[in-house]
Every structure is written in structure tokens, then in C-alpha cells.
Amino acid sequence: MTTEELTNDVLKALDEIRPFLNHDGGDISLVSIEDGKHVTVRLEGACTNCSVNQMTLKAGVETTVKKFAPQIETVVNVE
């Protein structure tokens, strides 16, 4: 898989979860993909101060990203 294909898969995953974040006044953007295994995202809007953002990140974002790109091992949020 090329870097471009991986990036597209991760962006598709973020597009899938974005409506749920938007509903709560938040958003998400892709910051980087390191070594084809580690994704860094930025939770935005209401998500930055949300008390459950780490749960959202692991349960929602990471699960969705891994569904689209199974080779991804971690998803972290940069603040």
C-alpha cells in the first residue's frame, strides 16, 4: 500500500466519524501518519475540552481508523 493510499484510507475513516463529532460541536483533522503505523489527529472545537475526549479517541476514532486501515497501531491526539 502506498503512503497516498494509506492517507486516503485514514481520511475516509475520519470522514465517517466526523458527523458524530460535528453533532457535539467538535471536529477532527489529520496531523500526520508516522511509519505507516501511527496516526496523529487533532480534536477540535468542543472536543478539545470534552471530558470524554480520550474515550472518544480510543473507542470511536481509533476503532474507525483501524477498520479502514488495519495496519495502523495507534491513534493519538495532539493538543
N, C-alpha and C. Protein backbone atom coordinates (compact mmCIF):
# COMPACT_ATOMS: atom_id res chain seq x y z
N MET A 1 0.85 -1.18 0.00
CA MET A 1 0.00 0.00 0.00
C MET A 1 0.90 1.24 0.00
N THR A 2 0.56 2.20 -0.84
CA THR A 2 1.35 3.42 -0.91
C THR A 2 0.96 4.37 0.24
N THR A 3 1.80 5.34 0.49
CA THR A 3 1.52 6.35 1.50
C THR A 3 0.24 7.10 1.15
N GLU A 4 0.06 7.37 -0.13
CA GLU A 4 -1.14 8.09 -0.58
C GLU A 4 -2.40 7.26 -0.31
N GLU A 5 -2.33 5.96 -0.59
CA GLU A 5 -3.49 5.09 -0.34
C GLU A 5 -3.81 5.02 1.15
N LEU A 6 -2.77 4.92 1.97
CA LEU A 6 -2.97 4.88 3.41
C LEU A 6 -3.59 6.18 3.91
N THR A 7 -3.07 7.29 3.43
CA THR A 7 -3.62 8.59 3.82
C THR A 7 -5.08 8.69 3.42
N ASN A 8 -5.42 8.25 2.22
CA ASN A 8 -6.81 8.28 1.77
C ASN A 8 -7.70 7.42 2.65
N ASP A 9 -7.22 6.23 3.05
CA ASP A 9 -8.00 5.36 3.92
C ASP A 9 -8.24 6.01 5.29
N VAL A 10 -7.21 6.64 5.83
CA VAL A 10 -7.35 7.30 7.13
C VAL A 10 -8.32 8.48 7.00
N LEU A 11 -8.22 9.24 5.92
CA LEU A 11 -9.14 10.36 5.72
C LEU A 11 -10.58 9.87 5.57
N LYS A 12 -10.79 8.74 4.90
CA LYS A 12 -12.13 8.16 4.80
C LYS A 12 -12.67 7.81 6.18
N ALA A 13 -11.81 7.26 7.03
CA ALA A 13 -12.22 6.92 8.39
C ALA A 13 -12.62 8.17 9.16
N LEU A 14 -11.83 9.23 9.03
CA LEU A 14 -12.16 10.47 9.73
C LEU A 14 -13.45 11.07 9.20
N ASP A 15 -13.68 10.94 7.89
CA ASP A 15 -14.93 11.43 7.30
C ASP A 15 -16.13 10.67 7.86
N GLU A 16 -15.93 9.38 8.16
CA GLU A 16 -17.02 8.57 8.71
C GLU A 16 -17.38 9.00 10.14
N ILE A 17 -16.38 9.35 10.92
CA ILE A 17 -16.64 9.70 12.32
C ILE A 17 -16.96 11.19 12.50
N ARG A 18 -16.59 12.00 11.54
CA ARG A 18 -16.77 13.46 11.64
C ARG A 18 -18.21 13.89 11.95
N PRO A 19 -19.25 13.31 11.32
CA PRO A 19 -20.61 13.76 11.64
C PRO A 19 -20.98 13.60 13.12
N PHE A 20 -20.46 12.56 13.76
CA PHE A 20 -20.74 12.38 15.19
C PHE A 20 -20.06 13.46 16.01
N LEU A 21 -18.84 13.81 15.64
CA LEU A 21 -18.12 14.89 16.34
C LEU A 21 -18.78 16.23 16.07
N ASN A 22 -19.16 16.47 14.81
CA ASN A 22 -19.82 17.73 14.45
C ASN A 22 -21.12 17.91 15.23
N HIS A 23 -21.84 16.83 15.44
CA HIS A 23 -23.10 16.88 16.17
C HIS A 23 -22.91 17.44 17.57
N ASP A 24 -21.76 17.16 18.16
CA ASP A 24 -21.46 17.65 19.51
C ASP A 24 -20.64 18.93 19.49
N GLY A 25 -20.51 19.56 18.32
CA GLY A 25 -19.78 20.82 18.23
C GLY A 25 -18.28 20.67 18.07
N GLY A 26 -17.84 19.48 17.67
CA GLY A 26 -16.41 19.25 17.51
C GLY A 26 -16.06 18.89 16.08
N ASP A 27 -14.79 18.61 15.88
CA ASP A 27 -14.30 18.19 14.57
C ASP A 27 -12.97 17.47 14.80
N ILE A 28 -12.41 16.98 13.70
CA ILE A 28 -11.14 16.26 13.78
C ILE A 28 -10.37 16.49 12.49
N SER A 29 -9.06 16.58 12.59
CA SER A 29 -8.23 16.70 11.39
C SER A 29 -7.01 15.80 11.54
N LEU A 30 -6.53 15.34 10.40
CA LEU A 30 -5.34 14.51 10.35
C LEU A 30 -4.11 15.40 10.44
N VAL A 31 -3.20 15.06 11.36
CA VAL A 31 -1.95 15.81 11.50
C VAL A 31 -0.84 15.08 10.76
N SER A 32 -0.69 13.76 11.05
CA SER A 32 0.39 13.02 10.40
C SER A 32 0.16 11.52 10.51
N ILE A 33 0.90 10.79 9.67
CA ILE A 33 0.98 9.34 9.76
C ILE A 33 2.46 9.00 9.81
N GLU A 34 2.89 8.37 10.89
CA GLU A 34 4.31 8.05 11.08
C GLU A 34 4.54 6.57 10.83
N ASP A 35 5.54 6.25 10.05
CA ASP A 35 5.96 4.87 9.79
C ASP A 35 4.84 3.97 9.29
N GLY A 36 3.77 4.55 8.77
CA GLY A 36 2.65 3.76 8.27
C GLY A 36 1.89 3.02 9.35
N LYS A 37 2.13 3.38 10.63
CA LYS A 37 1.52 2.65 11.74
C LYS A 37 0.88 3.54 12.80
N HIS A 38 1.32 4.79 12.87
CA HIS A 38 0.90 5.66 13.96
C HIS A 38 0.28 6.94 13.38
N VAL A 39 -0.96 7.17 13.77
CA VAL A 39 -1.70 8.33 13.27
C VAL A 39 -1.81 9.37 14.38
N THR A 40 -1.56 10.62 14.01
CA THR A 40 -1.77 11.74 14.92
C THR A 40 -2.90 12.58 14.36
N VAL A 41 -3.87 12.87 15.22
CA VAL A 41 -5.01 13.69 14.83
C VAL A 41 -5.11 14.88 15.77
N ARG A 42 -5.93 15.83 15.40
CA ARG A 42 -6.21 16.97 16.27
C ARG A 42 -7.72 17.04 16.46
N LEU A 43 -8.16 16.83 17.70
CA LEU A 43 -9.57 17.04 18.03
C LEU A 43 -9.78 18.53 18.16
N GLU A 44 -10.86 19.04 17.59
CA GLU A 44 -11.09 20.48 17.51
C GLU A 44 -12.46 20.85 18.07
N GLY A 45 -12.64 22.14 18.27
CA GLY A 45 -13.93 22.64 18.74
C GLY A 45 -14.25 22.12 20.13
N ALA A 46 -15.49 21.70 20.32
CA ALA A 46 -15.94 21.22 21.63
C ALA A 46 -15.14 20.01 22.09
N CYS A 47 -14.55 19.29 21.16
CA CYS A 47 -13.81 18.07 21.51
C CYS A 47 -12.52 18.37 22.28
N THR A 48 -11.99 19.57 22.17
CA THR A 48 -10.72 19.85 22.83
C THR A 48 -10.86 19.89 24.35
N ASN A 49 -12.01 20.35 24.84
CA ASN A 49 -12.20 20.47 26.28
C ASN A 49 -13.15 19.42 26.83
N CYS A 50 -13.57 18.50 25.99
CA CYS A 50 -14.53 17.49 26.40
C CYS A 50 -13.89 16.52 27.39
N SER A 51 -14.59 16.23 28.46
CA SER A 51 -14.04 15.34 29.49
C SER A 51 -13.91 13.90 29.03
N VAL A 52 -14.59 13.53 27.96
CA VAL A 52 -14.52 12.15 27.47
C VAL A 52 -13.76 12.05 26.15
N ASN A 53 -12.94 13.05 25.83
CA ASN A 53 -12.28 13.03 24.52
C ASN A 53 -11.31 11.86 24.35
N GLN A 54 -10.67 11.41 25.44
CA GLN A 54 -9.78 10.25 25.32
C GLN A 54 -10.57 8.98 25.03
N MET A 55 -11.76 8.88 25.62
CA MET A 55 -12.62 7.74 25.33
C MET A 55 -13.11 7.81 23.88
N THR A 56 -13.48 9.01 23.43
CA THR A 56 -13.89 9.20 22.04
C THR A 56 -12.76 8.82 21.11
N LEU A 57 -11.55 9.23 21.46
CA LEU A 57 -10.39 8.95 20.62
C LEU A 57 -10.17 7.45 20.49
N LYS A 58 -10.16 6.73 21.60
CA LYS A 58 -9.88 5.30 21.56
C LYS A 58 -11.07 4.50 21.02
N ALA A 59 -12.25 4.74 21.57
CA ALA A 59 -13.41 3.92 21.22
C ALA A 59 -13.94 4.25 19.84
N GLY A 60 -13.95 5.53 19.49
CA GLY A 60 -14.54 5.92 18.22
C GLY A 60 -13.53 6.09 17.11
N VAL A 61 -12.59 6.99 17.30
CA VAL A 61 -11.66 7.34 16.24
C VAL A 61 -10.70 6.19 15.93
N GLU A 62 -10.04 5.66 16.94
CA GLU A 62 -9.06 4.60 16.68
C GLU A 62 -9.72 3.36 16.07
N THR A 63 -10.88 2.99 16.59
CA THR A 63 -11.59 1.82 16.05
C THR A 63 -11.96 2.04 14.59
N THR A 64 -12.44 3.22 14.26
CA THR A 64 -12.85 3.52 12.88
C THR A 64 -11.63 3.56 11.96
N VAL A 65 -10.55 4.18 12.40
CA VAL A 65 -9.34 4.23 11.58
C VAL A 65 -8.83 2.82 11.30
N LYS A 66 -8.81 1.97 12.33
CA LYS A 66 -8.33 0.59 12.15
C LYS A 66 -9.24 -0.22 11.24
N LYS A 67 -10.51 0.13 11.18
CA LYS A 67 -11.44 -0.54 10.27
C LYS A 67 -11.05 -0.25 8.82
N PHE A 68 -10.68 0.99 8.55
CA PHE A 68 -10.30 1.39 7.19
C PHE A 68 -8.85 1.07 6.87
N ALA A 69 -7.99 1.08 7.89
CA ALA A 69 -6.55 0.87 7.69
C ALA A 69 -6.04 -0.02 8.82
N PRO A 70 -6.23 -1.34 8.69
CA PRO A 70 -5.89 -2.28 9.77
C PRO A 70 -4.42 -2.26 10.21
N GLN A 71 -3.52 -1.77 9.37
CA GLN A 71 -2.11 -1.74 9.74
C GLN A 71 -1.79 -0.65 10.76
N ILE A 72 -2.71 0.26 11.00
CA ILE A 72 -2.49 1.33 11.98
C ILE A 72 -2.52 0.72 13.38
N GLU A 73 -1.51 1.05 14.17
CA GLU A 73 -1.40 0.51 15.53
C GLU A 73 -1.91 1.47 16.59
N THR A 74 -1.68 2.78 16.40
CA THR A 74 -2.11 3.74 17.41
C THR A 74 -2.68 5.00 16.74
N VAL A 75 -3.57 5.62 17.47
CA VAL A 75 -4.10 6.93 17.08
C VAL A 75 -3.99 7.81 18.31
N VAL A 76 -3.28 8.92 18.17
CA VAL A 76 -3.12 9.84 19.31
C VAL A 76 -3.57 11.23 18.90
N ASN A 77 -3.96 11.99 19.91
CA ASN A 77 -4.41 13.36 19.71
C ASN A 77 -3.28 14.31 20.11
N VAL A 78 -3.02 15.28 19.26
CA VAL A 78 -2.06 16.32 19.59
C VAL A 78 -2.87 17.52 20.09
N GLU A 79 -2.43 18.11 21.19
CA GLU A 79 -3.20 19.21 21.75
C GLU A 79 -2.63 20.54 21.39
